[in-house]
Amino acid sequence: MSATSSSFKHYILLGLGLTFFWLFSILFMLELDLRLLQIMTPSELGNVIYVLSAPLVFMWLAIGYLQIMDDYKKMQKELVILRQMFTDLKQRLDKMSD
C-alpha cells in the first residue's frame, strides 16, 4: 500500500491526463478569448468556475475511490495470509500440547 505502487501511478496519470484534456477543451471552446471573462461580474465568474470545475472534482473523487478499493483488496489478501499463518500456528501448538 505504498504511494509508489503501480496502480497508484496509473490512477494519477489518468487523472492528470483527463484534467489537462478538460482544461484544454475549455480553452478551445472559449477560443482563447478571455474578454468574455473580463466583462463578467464576480458572481457570474464564480458560477463559470464552479460549473467548469465540478466534473474535475467528481473525476478526482472517483479516482480516489478506485485507489481506496485497490488498497482494500491488497489489505484483504494480506489478512487472508495472516489468518492462515495464525491457523497454522494454532495447529502446531495444539499438536505440541498433545
Protein backbone atom coordinates (compact mmCIF):
# COMPACT_ATOMS: atom_id res chain seq x y z
CA MET A 1 0.00 0.00 0.00
CA SER A 2 2.84 2.34 -0.68
CA ALA A 3 2.22 5.57 -2.51
CA THR A 4 4.54 4.43 -5.27
CA SER A 5 2.53 1.38 -6.29
CA SER A 6 1.92 0.82 -9.98
CA SER A 7 -1.84 1.24 -9.78
CA PHE A 8 -1.45 4.49 -7.84
CA LYS A 9 0.76 5.89 -10.60
CA HIS A 10 -1.74 4.78 -13.24
CA TYR A 11 -4.60 6.50 -11.43
CA ILE A 12 -2.63 9.72 -11.05
CA LEU A 13 -1.52 9.73 -14.70
CA LEU A 14 -5.08 9.05 -15.82
CA GLY A 15 -6.36 11.88 -13.65
CA LEU A 16 -3.72 14.33 -14.84
CA GLY A 17 -4.31 13.40 -18.47
CA LEU A 18 -8.06 13.85 -18.18
CA THR A 19 -7.61 17.11 -16.24
CA PHE A 20 -5.34 18.62 -18.90
CA PHE A 21 -7.67 17.38 -21.64
CA TRP A 22 -10.63 19.01 -19.87
CA LEU A 23 -8.81 22.31 -19.34
CA PHE A 24 -7.55 22.49 -22.92
CA SER A 25 -11.03 21.65 -24.19
CA ILE A 26 -12.46 24.53 -22.17
CA LEU A 27 -9.83 26.89 -23.54
CA PHE A 28 -10.56 25.68 -27.06
CA MET A 29 -14.29 26.21 -26.58
CA LEU A 30 -13.62 29.72 -25.34
CA GLU A 31 -11.37 30.09 -28.39
CA LEU A 32 -8.78 31.61 -26.10
CA ASP A 33 -10.96 34.73 -25.95
CA LEU A 34 -10.76 35.78 -22.34
CA ARG A 35 -12.63 39.04 -22.95
CA LEU A 36 -15.83 37.23 -22.04
CA LEU A 37 -14.43 36.51 -18.61
CA GLN A 38 -13.34 40.13 -18.13
CA ILE A 39 -16.84 41.54 -18.58
CA MET A 40 -18.46 39.13 -16.12
CA THR A 41 -19.40 40.12 -12.61
CA PRO A 42 -17.61 38.26 -9.82
CA SER A 43 -20.77 36.24 -9.18
CA GLU A 44 -21.02 35.17 -12.82
CA LEU A 45 -17.31 34.35 -12.92
CA GLY A 46 -17.68 32.23 -9.78
CA ASN A 47 -20.56 30.35 -11.39
CA VAL A 48 -18.49 29.67 -14.51
CA ILE A 49 -15.58 28.38 -12.44
CA TYR A 50 -17.95 26.23 -10.39
CA VAL A 51 -19.61 24.69 -13.45
CA LEU A 52 -16.31 24.04 -15.23
CA SER A 53 -14.55 22.55 -12.22
CA ALA A 54 -17.37 20.29 -10.96
CA PRO A 55 -16.61 17.46 -13.43
CA LEU A 56 -12.94 17.56 -12.43
CA VAL A 57 -13.82 17.33 -8.75
CA PHE A 58 -16.09 14.36 -9.41
CA MET A 59 -13.41 12.66 -11.51
CA TRP A 60 -10.75 13.05 -8.78
CA LEU A 61 -13.25 11.76 -6.23
CA ALA A 62 -13.80 8.68 -8.39
CA ILE A 63 -10.03 8.19 -8.79
CA GLY A 64 -9.62 8.40 -5.02
CA TYR A 65 -12.37 5.81 -4.60
CA LEU A 66 -10.66 3.47 -7.07
CA GLN A 67 -7.39 3.83 -5.20
CA ILE A 68 -9.07 3.07 -1.87
CA MET A 69 -10.71 -0.02 -3.35
CA ASP A 70 -7.35 -1.17 -4.69
CA ASP A 71 -5.81 -0.71 -1.24
CA TYR A 72 -8.75 -2.56 0.32
CA LYS A 73 -8.20 -5.56 -1.96
CA LYS A 74 -4.50 -5.63 -1.05
CA MET A 75 -5.30 -5.50 2.67
CA GLN A 76 -7.85 -8.26 2.25
CA LYS A 77 -5.22 -10.51 0.65
CA GLU A 78 -2.76 -9.74 3.45
CA LEU A 79 -5.38 -10.56 6.08
CA VAL A 80 -6.10 -13.92 4.44
CA ILE A 81 -2.38 -14.74 4.58
CA LEU A 82 -2.16 -13.61 8.20
CA ARG A 83 -5.20 -15.66 9.16
CA GLN A 84 -3.68 -18.74 7.54
CA MET A 85 -0.44 -18.17 9.45
CA PHE A 86 -2.31 -17.98 12.76
CA THR A 87 -4.33 -21.09 11.90
CA ASP A 88 -1.13 -23.00 11.14
CA LEU A 89 0.45 -21.75 14.36
CA LYS A 90 -2.59 -22.80 16.38
CA GLN A 91 -2.48 -26.27 14.84
CA ARG A 92 1.22 -26.62 15.70
CA LEU A 93 0.61 -25.53 19.27
CA ASP A 94 -2.28 -27.97 19.59
CA LYS A 95 -0.03 -30.79 18.35
CA MET A 96 2.69 -29.81 20.82
CA SER A 97 0.28 -29.80 23.73
CA ASP A 98 -0.97 -33.32 22.92
